[in-house]
Amino acid sequence: MHLSSIRQWHWMIFSIVVGLVFYYTRTQQIDDLSRFGDSINSPRMFEEMVLKTEAGRPTFDQLTVHTQPVPDGKGAMRPATVVTGMAFNGHYEKEGSKFVARRLFCWADSI
């Protein structure tokens, strides 16, 4: 079998498969933070949630601080500070047979 015998549509399918493999690999590296829960992209919203109460309970509690490498956009990794906790917006979410607050995280560049 010679390369010239491969049809154009074979190359198209091959290109799509290779593209999907690269996309999957890239998203797996970036989504490494997803294990912490849903992201809060706004530091201001994060601060408001830490200080606010909802139905007599802190909106954001059980805080934990982690150092986690994140992609820097140039192909390398850099350290970032990730703060995780449980968010309460006035009602619980059902998880299995329990009602729990939602797990959220906020991350920022390390200083």
C-alpha atoms as a PDB file:
ATOM      1  CA  MET A   1       0.000   0.000   0.000  1.00  0.00           C
ATOM      2  CA  HIS A   2       1.428   3.381  -1.035  1.00  0.00           C
ATOM      3  CA  LEU A   3       0.536   6.788   0.351  1.00  0.00           C
ATOM      4  CA  SER A   4      -0.754   7.754  -3.081  1.00  0.00           C
ATOM      5  CA  SER A   5      -3.357   4.975  -2.868  1.00  0.00           C
ATOM      6  CA  ILE A   6      -4.967   6.503   0.228  1.00  0.00           C
ATOM      7  CA  ARG A   7      -8.090   8.404  -0.767  1.00  0.00           C
ATOM      8  CA  GLN A   8      -8.814  11.994   0.188  1.00  0.00           C
ATOM      9  CA  TRP A   9     -11.662  11.010   2.485  1.00  0.00           C
ATOM     10  CA  HIS A  10      -9.278   8.679   4.371  1.00  0.00           C
ATOM     11  CA  TRP A  11      -7.048  11.689   5.104  1.00  0.00           C
ATOM     12  CA  MET A  12     -10.072  13.694   6.251  1.00  0.00           C
ATOM     13  CA  ILE A  13     -11.145  10.996   8.710  1.00  0.00           C
ATOM     14  CA  PHE A  14      -7.564  10.574   9.909  1.00  0.00           C
ATOM     15  CA  SER A  15      -7.294  14.344  10.475  1.00  0.00           C
ATOM     16  CA  ILE A  16     -10.532  14.459  12.463  1.00  0.00           C
ATOM     17  CA  VAL A  17      -9.441  11.527  14.665  1.00  0.00           C
ATOM     18  CA  VAL A  18      -6.034  13.109  15.339  1.00  0.00           C
ATOM     19  CA  GLY A  19      -7.709  16.446  16.105  1.00  0.00           C
ATOM     20  CA  LEU A  20     -10.091  14.803  18.576  1.00  0.00           C
ATOM     21  CA  VAL A  21      -7.197  13.035  20.307  1.00  0.00           C
ATOM     22  CA  PHE A  22      -5.331  16.341  20.708  1.00  0.00           C
ATOM     23  CA  TYR A  23      -8.510  18.079  21.923  1.00  0.00           C
ATOM     24  CA  TYR A  24      -9.188  15.332  24.497  1.00  0.00           C
ATOM     25  CA  THR A  25      -5.589  15.428  25.750  1.00  0.00           C
ATOM     26  CA  ARG A  26      -5.665  19.223  26.077  1.00  0.00           C
ATOM     27  CA  THR A  27      -8.991  19.306  27.941  1.00  0.00           C
ATOM     28  CA  GLN A  28      -7.807  16.630  30.362  1.00  0.00           C
ATOM     29  CA  GLN A  29      -4.836  18.798  31.327  1.00  0.00           C
ATOM     30  CA  ILE A  30      -6.895  21.979  31.742  1.00  0.00           C
ATOM     31  CA  ASP A  31      -9.797  20.298  33.532  1.00  0.00           C
ATOM     32  CA  ASP A  32      -7.495  19.022  36.271  1.00  0.00           C
ATOM     33  CA  LEU A  33      -9.108  21.637  38.545  1.00  0.00           C
ATOM     34  CA  SER A  34     -12.572  20.161  37.964  1.00  0.00           C
ATOM     35  CA  ARG A  35     -11.909  17.631  40.732  1.00  0.00           C
ATOM     36  CA  PHE A  36     -12.316  20.531  43.183  1.00  0.00           C
ATOM     37  CA  GLY A  37     -15.918  21.223  42.071  1.00  0.00           C
ATOM     38  CA  ASP A  38     -17.511  24.123  40.203  1.00  0.00           C
ATOM     39  CA  SER A  39     -15.392  27.211  39.622  1.00  0.00           C
ATOM     40  CA  ILE A  40     -16.056  30.741  40.860  1.00  0.00           C
ATOM     41  CA  ASN A  41     -14.304  32.991  38.361  1.00  0.00           C
ATOM     42  CA  SER A  42     -14.835  36.237  40.235  1.00  0.00           C
ATOM     43  CA  PRO A  43     -12.661  36.992  43.279  1.00  0.00           C
ATOM     44  CA  ARG A  44     -15.263  39.585  44.325  1.00  0.00           C
ATOM     45  CA  MET A  45     -18.062  36.979  44.288  1.00  0.00           C
ATOM     46  CA  PHE A  46     -15.832  34.623  46.280  1.00  0.00           C
ATOM     47  CA  GLU A  47     -15.198  37.305  48.937  1.00  0.00           C
ATOM     48  CA  GLU A  48     -18.918  38.126  49.150  1.00  0.00           C
ATOM     49  CA  MET A  49     -19.795  34.459  49.606  1.00  0.00           C
ATOM     50  CA  VAL A  50     -17.234  34.040  52.408  1.00  0.00           C
ATOM     51  CA  LEU A  51     -18.619  37.037  54.324  1.00  0.00           C
ATOM     52  CA  LYS A  52     -22.357  36.523  53.656  1.00  0.00           C
ATOM     53  CA  THR A  53     -24.837  34.269  55.483  1.00  0.00           C
ATOM     54  CA  GLU A  54     -27.878  32.549  54.010  1.00  0.00           C
ATOM     55  CA  ALA A  55     -30.690  31.171  56.201  1.00  0.00           C
ATOM     56  CA  GLY A  56     -28.471  31.555  59.287  1.00  0.00           C
ATOM     57  CA  ARG A  57     -25.607  29.612  57.740  1.00  0.00           C
ATOM     58  CA  PRO A  58     -22.374  30.888  56.119  1.00  0.00           C
ATOM     59  CA  THR A  59     -22.755  30.937  52.335  1.00  0.00           C
ATOM     60  CA  PHE A  60     -19.271  29.495  51.814  1.00  0.00           C
ATOM     61  CA  ASP A  61     -17.690  27.372  54.533  1.00  0.00           C
ATOM     62  CA  GLN A  62     -15.383  24.397  55.084  1.00  0.00           C
ATOM     63  CA  LEU A  63     -12.631  26.357  53.342  1.00  0.00           C
ATOM     64  CA  THR A  64      -9.433  24.544  52.384  1.00  0.00           C
ATOM     65  CA  VAL A  65      -6.393  26.070  50.663  1.00  0.00           C
ATOM     66  CA  HIS A  66      -4.375  24.049  48.119  1.00  0.00           C
ATOM     67  CA  THR A  67      -1.407  24.818  45.867  1.00  0.00           C
ATOM     68  CA  GLN A  68      -2.075  23.414  42.416  1.00  0.00           C
ATOM     69  CA  PRO A  69      -0.129  23.673  39.137  1.00  0.00           C
ATOM     70  CA  VAL A  70      -2.201  25.242  36.342  1.00  0.00           C
ATOM     71  CA  PRO A  71      -1.392  25.801  32.645  1.00  0.00           C
ATOM     72  CA  ASP A  72       0.183  29.199  31.929  1.00  0.00           C
ATOM     73  CA  GLY A  73      -1.035  29.349  28.315  1.00  0.00           C
ATOM     74  CA  LYS A  74       2.499  28.888  26.959  1.00  0.00           C
ATOM     75  CA  GLY A  75       2.727  25.123  27.400  1.00  0.00           C
ATOM     76  CA  ALA A  76       4.204  25.211  30.907  1.00  0.00           C
ATOM     77  CA  MET A  77       2.652  24.895  34.344  1.00  0.00           C
ATOM     78  CA  ARG A  78       2.724  27.510  37.108  1.00  0.00           C
ATOM     79  CA  PRO A  79       1.594  27.279  40.738  1.00  0.00           C
ATOM     80  CA  ALA A  80      -1.755  28.727  41.756  1.00  0.00           C
ATOM     81  CA  THR A  81      -3.593  28.962  45.052  1.00  0.00           C
ATOM     82  CA  VAL A  82      -6.920  27.123  45.015  1.00  0.00           C
ATOM     83  CA  VAL A  83      -9.487  27.684  47.764  1.00  0.00           C
ATOM     84  CA  THR A  84     -12.220  25.060  47.978  1.00  0.00           C
ATOM     85  CA  GLY A  85     -15.307  24.895  50.132  1.00  0.00           C
ATOM     86  CA  MET A  86     -18.993  24.150  50.313  1.00  0.00           C
ATOM     87  CA  ALA A  87     -21.412  26.751  48.937  1.00  0.00           C
ATOM     88  CA  PHE A  88     -24.894  27.161  50.384  1.00  0.00           C
ATOM     89  CA  ASN A  89     -27.392  29.269  48.433  1.00  0.00           C
ATOM     90  CA  GLY A  90     -30.388  28.837  50.725  1.00  0.00           C
ATOM     91  CA  HIS A  91     -31.259  25.284  49.756  1.00  0.00           C
ATOM     92  CA  TYR A  92     -29.384  22.012  49.569  1.00  0.00           C
ATOM     93  CA  GLU A  93     -28.810  19.884  46.485  1.00  0.00           C
ATOM     94  CA  LYS A  94     -29.615  16.186  46.523  1.00  0.00           C
ATOM     95  CA  GLU A  95     -26.541  14.001  46.171  1.00  0.00           C
ATOM     96  CA  GLY A  96     -27.469  10.342  46.309  1.00  0.00           C
ATOM     97  CA  SER A  97     -29.705  10.000  49.374  1.00  0.00           C
ATOM     98  CA  LYS A  98     -28.276  13.079  51.148  1.00  0.00           C
ATOM     99  CA  PHE A  99     -28.901  16.791  50.826  1.00  0.00           C
ATOM    100  CA  VAL A 100     -25.612  18.711  50.707  1.00  0.00           C
ATOM    101  CA  ALA A 101     -24.221  22.122  49.854  1.00  0.00           C
ATOM    102  CA  ARG A 102     -22.538  22.448  46.469  1.00  0.00           C
ATOM    103  CA  ARG A 103     -18.727  22.128  46.253  1.00  0.00           C
ATOM    104  CA  LEU A 104     -17.098  25.230  44.745  1.00  0.00           C
ATOM    105  CA  PHE A 105     -13.579  26.510  44.286  1.00  0.00           C
ATOM    106  CA  CYS A 106     -11.831  29.744  43.428  1.00  0.00           C
ATOM    107  CA  TRP A 107      -8.232  29.950  42.249  1.00  0.00           C
ATOM    108  CA  ALA A 108      -5.730  32.740  41.857  1.00  0.00           C
ATOM    109  CA  ASP A 109      -2.109  33.087  40.825  1.00  0.00           C
ATOM    110  CA  SER A 110       0.350  32.494  43.606  1.00  0.00           C
ATOM    111  CA  ILE A 111       2.386  35.457  44.719  1.00  0.00           C
END
